[in-house]
C-alpha atoms as a PDB file:
ATOM      1  CA  MET A   1       4.305-113.463-159.193  1.00  0.00           C
ATOM      2  CA  GLU A   2       1.939-110.686-158.068  1.00  0.00           C
ATOM      3  CA  GLU A   3       4.871-108.850-156.521  1.00  0.00           C
ATOM      4  CA  SER A   4       6.841-109.042-159.772  1.00  0.00           C
ATOM      5  CA  ARG A   5       3.829-107.722-161.723  1.00  0.00           C
ATOM      6  CA  ALA A   6       3.545-104.795-159.326  1.00  0.00           C
ATOM      7  CA  HIS A   7       7.255-104.129-159.826  1.00  0.00           C
ATOM      8  CA  ALA A   8       6.754-104.176-163.613  1.00  0.00           C
ATOM      9  CA  ASP A   9       3.822-101.754-163.318  1.00  0.00           C
ATOM     10  CA  GLN A  10       5.933 -99.342-161.269  1.00  0.00           C
ATOM     11  CA  ALA A  11       8.875 -99.590-163.664  1.00  0.00           C
ATOM     12  CA  GLN A  12       6.537 -98.950-166.588  1.00  0.00           C
ATOM     13  CA  LEU A  13       5.171 -95.796-164.947  1.00  0.00           C
ATOM     14  CA  GLN A  14       8.720 -94.513-164.461  1.00  0.00           C
ATOM     15  CA  ALA A  15       9.639 -95.306-168.065  1.00  0.00           C
ATOM     16  CA  MET A  16       6.517 -93.636-169.439  1.00  0.00           C
ATOM     17  CA  SER A  17       7.122 -90.486-167.377  1.00  0.00           C
ATOM     18  CA  ARG A  18      10.437 -89.762-169.113  1.00  0.00           C
ATOM     19  CA  SER A  19      10.494 -87.237-171.948  1.00  0.00           C
ATOM     20  CA  PRO A  20      12.097 -88.052-175.319  1.00  0.00           C
ATOM     21  CA  HIS A  21      14.952 -85.692-174.434  1.00  0.00           C
ATOM     22  CA  GLU A  22      15.583 -87.583-171.189  1.00  0.00           C
ATOM     23  CA  VAL A  23      15.524 -90.922-173.020  1.00  0.00           C
ATOM     24  CA  LEU A  24      18.012 -89.668-175.621  1.00  0.00           C
ATOM     25  CA  ALA A  25      20.263 -88.150-172.942  1.00  0.00           C
ATOM     26  CA  GLU A  26      20.442 -91.502-171.139  1.00  0.00           C
ATOM     27  CA  LEU A  27      21.405 -93.270-174.373  1.00  0.00           C
ATOM     28  CA  GLN A  28      24.140 -90.712-174.996  1.00  0.00           C
ATOM     29  CA  LYS A  29      25.473 -91.196-171.468  1.00  0.00           C
ATOM     30  CA  GLY A  30      25.397 -94.963-171.930  1.00  0.00           C
ATOM     31  CA  ASN A  31      27.285 -94.690-175.212  1.00  0.00           C
ATOM     32  CA  THR A  32      29.913 -92.502-173.522  1.00  0.00           C
ATOM     33  CA  ARG A  33      30.309 -95.106-170.756  1.00  0.00           C
ATOM     34  CA  PHE A  34      30.737 -97.818-173.397  1.00  0.00           C
ATOM     35  CA  TRP A  35      33.377 -95.935-175.401  1.00  0.00           C
ATOM     36  CA  THR A  36      35.350 -94.885-172.316  1.00  0.00           C
ATOM     37  CA  GLY A  37      35.423 -98.406-170.894  1.00  0.00           C
ATOM     38  CA  ARG A  38      33.147 -97.589-167.940  1.00  0.00           C
ATOM     39  CA  ALA A  39      30.036 -99.508-168.995  1.00  0.00           C
ATOM     40  CA  ASN A  40      27.718-100.614-166.178  1.00  0.00           C
ATOM     41  CA  ARG A  41      26.618-103.715-168.093  1.00  0.00           C
ATOM     42  CA  PRO A  42      23.190-103.531-166.402  1.00  0.00           C
ATOM     43  CA  GLU A  43      21.996-107.069-165.738  1.00  0.00           C
ATOM     44  CA  LYS A  44      18.553-107.663-164.334  1.00  0.00           C
ATOM     45  CA  SER A  45      18.078-109.701-161.178  1.00  0.00           C
ATOM     46  CA  ALA A  46      15.979-112.875-161.305  1.00  0.00           C
ATOM     47  CA  PHE A  47      13.114-110.880-159.778  1.00  0.00           C
ATOM     48  CA  GLU A  48      13.384-108.138-162.416  1.00  0.00           C
ATOM     49  CA  ARG A  49      13.567-110.707-165.214  1.00  0.00           C
ATOM     50  CA  ARG A  50      10.421-112.348-163.877  1.00  0.00           C
ATOM     51  CA  ALA A  51       8.704-108.945-163.902  1.00  0.00           C
ATOM     52  CA  LEU A  52       9.573-108.532-167.579  1.00  0.00           C
ATOM     53  CA  ILE A  53       7.747-111.750-168.458  1.00  0.00           C
ATOM     54  CA  SER A  54       4.381-110.033-168.079  1.00  0.00           C
ATOM     55  CA  LYS A  55       5.136-106.892-170.123  1.00  0.00           C
ATOM     56  CA  GLN A  56       7.770-104.858-171.893  1.00  0.00           C
ATOM     57  CA  PHE A  57       8.034-101.070-171.868  1.00  0.00           C
ATOM     58  CA  PRO A  58      11.114 -99.911-173.776  1.00  0.00           C
ATOM     59  CA  SER A  59      11.421 -96.143-174.196  1.00  0.00           C
ATOM     60  CA  VAL A  60      13.302 -96.305-177.486  1.00  0.00           C
ATOM     61  CA  ALA A  61      13.285 -98.317-180.711  1.00  0.00           C
ATOM     62  CA  VAL A  62      16.503 -98.646-182.706  1.00  0.00           C
ATOM     63  CA  LEU A  63      16.829 -99.702-186.332  1.00  0.00           C
ATOM     64  CA  GLY A  64      20.435-100.838-186.471  1.00  0.00           C
ATOM     65  CA  CYS A  65      22.757-102.912-188.608  1.00  0.00           C
ATOM     66  CA  SER A  66      23.168-106.664-188.169  1.00  0.00           C
ATOM     67  CA  ASP A  67      26.958-106.215-188.009  1.00  0.00           C
ATOM     68  CA  SER A  68      28.326-108.296-185.124  1.00  0.00           C
ATOM     69  CA  ARG A  69      30.529-105.372-184.013  1.00  0.00           C
ATOM     70  CA  VAL A  70      27.552-103.113-183.243  1.00  0.00           C
ATOM     71  CA  PRO A  71      25.375-104.864-180.611  1.00  0.00           C
ATOM     72  CA  THR A  72      22.786-102.192-179.819  1.00  0.00           C
ATOM     73  CA  GLU A  73      22.231-102.808-176.108  1.00  0.00           C
ATOM     74  CA  MET A  74      25.957-103.023-175.436  1.00  0.00           C
ATOM     75  CA  ILE A  75      26.985 -99.830-177.216  1.00  0.00           C
ATOM     76  CA  PHE A  76      24.308 -97.864-175.326  1.00  0.00           C
ATOM     77  CA  ASP A  77      25.059 -99.689-172.046  1.00  0.00           C
ATOM     78  CA  GLN A  78      21.432-100.770-171.639  1.00  0.00           C
ATOM     79  CA  GLY A  79      19.898-103.968-170.330  1.00  0.00           C
ATOM     80  CA  LEU A  80      16.969-106.326-170.817  1.00  0.00           C
ATOM     81  CA  GLY A  81      13.746-104.548-171.701  1.00  0.00           C
ATOM     82  CA  ASP A  82      15.373-101.139-172.253  1.00  0.00           C
ATOM     83  CA  ILE A  83      15.516-101.017-176.070  1.00  0.00           C
ATOM     84  CA  PHE A  84      13.257-102.433-178.794  1.00  0.00           C
ATOM     85  CA  VAL A  85      15.813-103.481-181.403  1.00  0.00           C
ATOM     86  CA  ILE A  86      15.430-104.174-185.111  1.00  0.00           C
ATOM     87  CA  ARG A  87      18.659-105.271-186.778  1.00  0.00           C
ATOM     88  CA  VAL A  88      18.905-105.502-190.556  1.00  0.00           C
ATOM     89  CA  ALA A  89      22.013-105.537-192.737  1.00  0.00           C
ATOM     90  CA  GLY A  90      22.744-101.930-193.618  1.00  0.00           C
ATOM     91  CA  ASN A  91      20.052-100.676-191.164  1.00  0.00           C
ATOM     92  CA  CYS A  92      17.728-100.657-194.162  1.00  0.00           C
ATOM     93  CA  LEU A  93      14.040 -99.768-193.790  1.00  0.00           C
ATOM     94  CA  ASP A  94      12.279-102.691-195.485  1.00  0.00           C
ATOM     95  CA  THR A  95       8.741-103.973-194.927  1.00  0.00           C
ATOM     96  CA  ILE A  96       9.598-106.021-191.846  1.00  0.00           C
ATOM     97  CA  ALA A  97      11.648-103.226-190.268  1.00  0.00           C
ATOM     98  CA  SER A  98       8.852-100.726-190.956  1.00  0.00           C
ATOM     99  CA  ALA A  99       6.242-103.023-189.421  1.00  0.00           C
ATOM    100  CA  SER A 100       8.438-103.583-186.369  1.00  0.00           C
ATOM    101  CA  LEU A 101       8.885 -99.835-185.830  1.00  0.00           C
ATOM    102  CA  GLN A 102       5.144 -99.276-186.308  1.00  0.00           C
ATOM    103  CA  TYR A 103       4.535-101.851-183.588  1.00  0.00           C
ATOM    104  CA  ALA A 104       7.034-100.124-181.292  1.00  0.00           C
ATOM    105  CA  VAL A 105       5.381 -96.732-181.804  1.00  0.00           C
ATOM    106  CA  ASN A 106       1.719 -97.752-181.841  1.00  0.00           C
ATOM    107  CA  HIS A 107       1.687-100.561-179.277  1.00  0.00           C
ATOM    108  CA  LEU A 108       4.726-100.093-177.039  1.00  0.00           C
ATOM    109  CA  GLU A 109       4.527 -96.277-177.232  1.00  0.00           C
ATOM    110  CA  VAL A 110       8.282 -95.758-177.418  1.00  0.00           C
ATOM    111  CA  LYS A 111       9.410 -92.155-176.998  1.00  0.00           C
ATOM    112  CA  VAL A 112      12.372 -92.165-179.401  1.00  0.00           C
ATOM    113  CA  LEU A 113      13.206 -93.777-182.756  1.00  0.00           C
ATOM    114  CA  ILE A 114      16.830 -94.081-183.837  1.00  0.00           C
ATOM    115  CA  VAL A 115      18.338 -95.220-187.124  1.00  0.00           C
ATOM    116  CA  LEU A 116      21.828 -96.373-186.188  1.00  0.00           C
ATOM    117  CA  GLY A 117      24.518 -96.531-188.849  1.00  0.00           C
ATOM    118  CA  HIS A 118      28.183 -97.288-188.240  1.00  0.00           C
ATOM    119  CA  GLU A 119      31.548 -96.741-189.853  1.00  0.00           C
ATOM    120  CA  LEU A 120      32.965 -99.374-192.197  1.00  0.00           C
ATOM    121  CA  CYS A 121      29.557-100.927-192.865  1.00  0.00           C
ATOM    122  CA  GLY A 122      30.242-103.778-195.259  1.00  0.00           C
ATOM    123  CA  VAL A 123      26.742-103.711-196.743  1.00  0.00           C
ATOM    124  CA  VAL A 124      26.903-100.001-197.577  1.00  0.00           C
ATOM    125  CA  LYS A 125      30.343-100.567-199.101  1.00  0.00           C
ATOM    126  CA  ALA A 126      28.983-103.472-201.154  1.00  0.00           C
ATOM    127  CA  ALA A 127      26.111-101.283-202.384  1.00  0.00           C
ATOM    128  CA  LEU A 128      28.708 -99.043-204.046  1.00  0.00           C
ATOM    129  CA  LEU A 129      29.967-101.891-206.241  1.00  0.00           C
ATOM    130  CA  PRO A 130      29.153-101.734-209.978  1.00  0.00           C
ATOM    131  CA  LYS A 131      25.699-103.023-210.939  1.00  0.00           C
ATOM    132  CA  GLU A 132      27.279-105.901-212.847  1.00  0.00           C
ATOM    133  CA  GLN A 133      28.812-107.188-209.619  1.00  0.00           C
ATOM    134  CA  LEU A 134      25.602-106.724-207.660  1.00  0.00           C
ATOM    135  CA  GLU A 135      23.805-108.905-210.202  1.00  0.00           C
ATOM    136  CA  GLN A 136      26.013-111.816-209.167  1.00  0.00           C
ATOM    137  CA  GLU A 137      24.592-111.769-205.627  1.00  0.00           C
ATOM    138  CA  PRO A 138      21.581-113.855-204.484  1.00  0.00           C
ATOM    139  CA  ALA A 139      18.228-112.246-205.339  1.00  0.00           C
ATOM    140  CA  ALA A 140      17.277-111.069-201.839  1.00  0.00           C
ATOM    141  CA  LEU A 141      20.710-109.568-201.251  1.00  0.00           C
ATOM    142  CA  GLN A 142      20.561-107.857-204.644  1.00  0.00           C
ATOM    143  CA  ASP A 143      17.303-106.187-203.621  1.00  0.00           C
ATOM    144  CA  LEU A 144      18.806-104.967-200.352  1.00  0.00           C
ATOM    145  CA  LEU A 145      21.958-103.613-201.996  1.00  0.00           C
ATOM    146  CA  ARG A 146      19.983-101.891-204.764  1.00  0.00           C
ATOM    147  CA  ASN A 147      17.730-100.296-202.161  1.00  0.00           C
ATOM    148  CA  ILE A 148      20.756 -98.796-200.425  1.00  0.00           C
ATOM    149  CA  LYS A 149      22.515 -97.922-203.702  1.00  0.00           C
ATOM    150  CA  ASP A 150      19.488 -95.967-204.938  1.00  0.00           C
ATOM    151  CA  GLY A 151      19.802 -93.630-201.958  1.00  0.00           C
ATOM    152  CA  LEU A 152      23.492 -92.844-202.429  1.00  0.00           C
ATOM    153  CA  ASP A 153      24.861 -90.030-204.595  1.00  0.00           C
ATOM    154  CA  GLU A 154      27.658 -91.999-206.188  1.00  0.00           C
ATOM    155  CA  ASN A 155      28.815 -89.090-208.366  1.00  0.00           C
ATOM    156  CA  CYS A 156      29.402 -87.025-205.236  1.00  0.00           C
ATOM    157  CA  LEU A 157      30.985 -89.927-203.356  1.00  0.00           C
ATOM    158  CA  ASN A 158      33.376 -90.683-206.217  1.00  0.00           C
ATOM    159  CA  LEU A 159      34.775 -87.166-205.947  1.00  0.00           C
ATOM    160  CA  MET A 160      36.051 -88.000-202.454  1.00  0.00           C
ATOM    161  CA  HIS A 161      39.624 -89.313-202.424  1.00  0.00           C
ATOM    162  CA  ASP A 162      39.845 -90.052-198.688  1.00  0.00           C
ATOM    163  CA  SER A 163      38.415 -93.568-198.332  1.00  0.00           C
ATOM    164  CA  ARG A 164      37.407 -93.101-194.685  1.00  0.00           C
ATOM    165  CA  ALA A 165      35.665 -89.825-195.470  1.00  0.00           C
ATOM    166  CA  LYS A 166      33.878 -91.509-198.376  1.00  0.00           C
ATOM    167  CA  ASP A 167      32.807 -94.354-196.109  1.00  0.00           C
ATOM    168  CA  ARG A 168      31.454 -91.972-193.464  1.00  0.00           C
ATOM    169  CA  GLU A 169      29.555 -89.941-196.056  1.00  0.00           C
ATOM    170  CA  ALA A 170      28.007 -93.076-197.585  1.00  0.00           C
ATOM    171  CA  VAL A 171      26.947 -94.413-194.163  1.00  0.00           C
ATOM    172  CA  THR A 172      25.516 -91.013-193.172  1.00  0.00           C
ATOM    173  CA  SER A 173      23.638 -90.681-196.461  1.00  0.00           C
ATOM    174  CA  ASN A 174      22.153 -94.128-195.955  1.00  0.00           C
ATOM    175  CA  VAL A 175      20.948 -93.224-192.439  1.00  0.00           C
ATOM    176  CA  VAL A 176      19.419 -89.975-193.733  1.00  0.00           C
ATOM    177  CA  ARG A 177      17.549 -91.885-196.429  1.00  0.00           C
ATOM    178  CA  GLN A 178      16.115 -94.361-193.928  1.00  0.00           C
ATOM    179  CA  VAL A 179      15.021 -91.496-191.649  1.00  0.00           C
ATOM    180  CA  GLU A 180      13.353 -89.824-194.632  1.00  0.00           C
ATOM    181  CA  GLY A 181      11.483 -93.082-195.196  1.00  0.00           C
ATOM    182  CA  LEU A 182      10.246 -93.004-191.618  1.00  0.00           C
ATOM    183  CA  THR A 183       8.980 -89.447-192.029  1.00  0.00           C
ATOM    184  CA  ARG A 184       6.733 -90.693-194.854  1.00  0.00           C
ATOM    185  CA  ASP A 185       5.154 -93.299-192.558  1.00  0.00           C
ATOM    186  CA  ARG A 186       1.768 -91.816-191.623  1.00  0.00           C
ATOM    187  CA  SER A 187       1.163 -94.108-188.660  1.00  0.00           C
ATOM    188  CA  ILE A 188       4.451 -93.046-187.077  1.00  0.00           C
ATOM    189  CA  MET A 189       4.248 -89.363-187.955  1.00  0.00           C
ATOM    190  CA  SER A 190       0.689 -89.135-186.619  1.00  0.00           C
ATOM    191  CA  LYS A 191       2.076 -90.098-183.192  1.00  0.00           C
ATOM    192  CA  VAL A 192       4.784 -87.436-183.515  1.00  0.00           C
ATOM    193  CA  ALA A 193       2.130 -84.855-184.387  1.00  0.00           C
ATOM    194  CA  LEU A 194      -0.054 -85.951-181.465  1.00  0.00           C
ATOM    195  CA  TYR A 195       2.848 -85.652-179.029  1.00  0.00           C
ATOM    196  CA  THR A 196       3.663 -82.173-180.345  1.00  0.00           C
ATOM    197  CA  ARG A 197       0.013 -81.057-180.007  1.00  0.00           C
ATOM    198  CA  GLN A 198       0.029 -82.276-176.409  1.00  0.00           C
ATOM    199  CA  GLY A 199       2.853 -79.896-175.581  1.00  0.00           C
ATOM    200  CA  GLY A 200       5.971 -81.897-176.372  1.00  0.00           C
ATOM    201  CA  PRO A 201       8.880 -80.301-178.228  1.00  0.00           C
ATOM    202  CA  GLU A 202       8.929 -80.556-182.015  1.00  0.00           C
END
């Protein structure tokens, strides 16, 4: 067990030494491997899994959608302990998602935060339904859909005749709104400011 702890300590030092740009570059490479069918599918050995029992040190936190077609670790070709993942329908920044990201930033000291949207998101599409239809949904789902709907410019979206283009614009707008919410989180932005003052890129 002592040997596995020492291994975890060493792995943590390596993870903490990477810059945000290096972390993001590795995710981009992993996503390319996934989409081109060359994923490594990194699986930890029994020894490495034992090392992870004592601590976790992900370099990135991802707020993604609960959609079964977008499993975060798989699409970035990452393994156990690599990504701190929060999955919520419509990758929506609610109280629990915000608290989870605050934990990732303030306690795990992740280097990168990502809000991950995806094409053909059923929740974003549902948020575009008329209010009368939304009112027929269960209360909690209504709240979620209204939250997303409030951030979408439906007048602009309704001018788009290409359904795929409209879908992409709605998904992108939703991601932008969630990112804007993160930028209003003082506990998270104070860490960004601290990193910048210490010489990191803005």
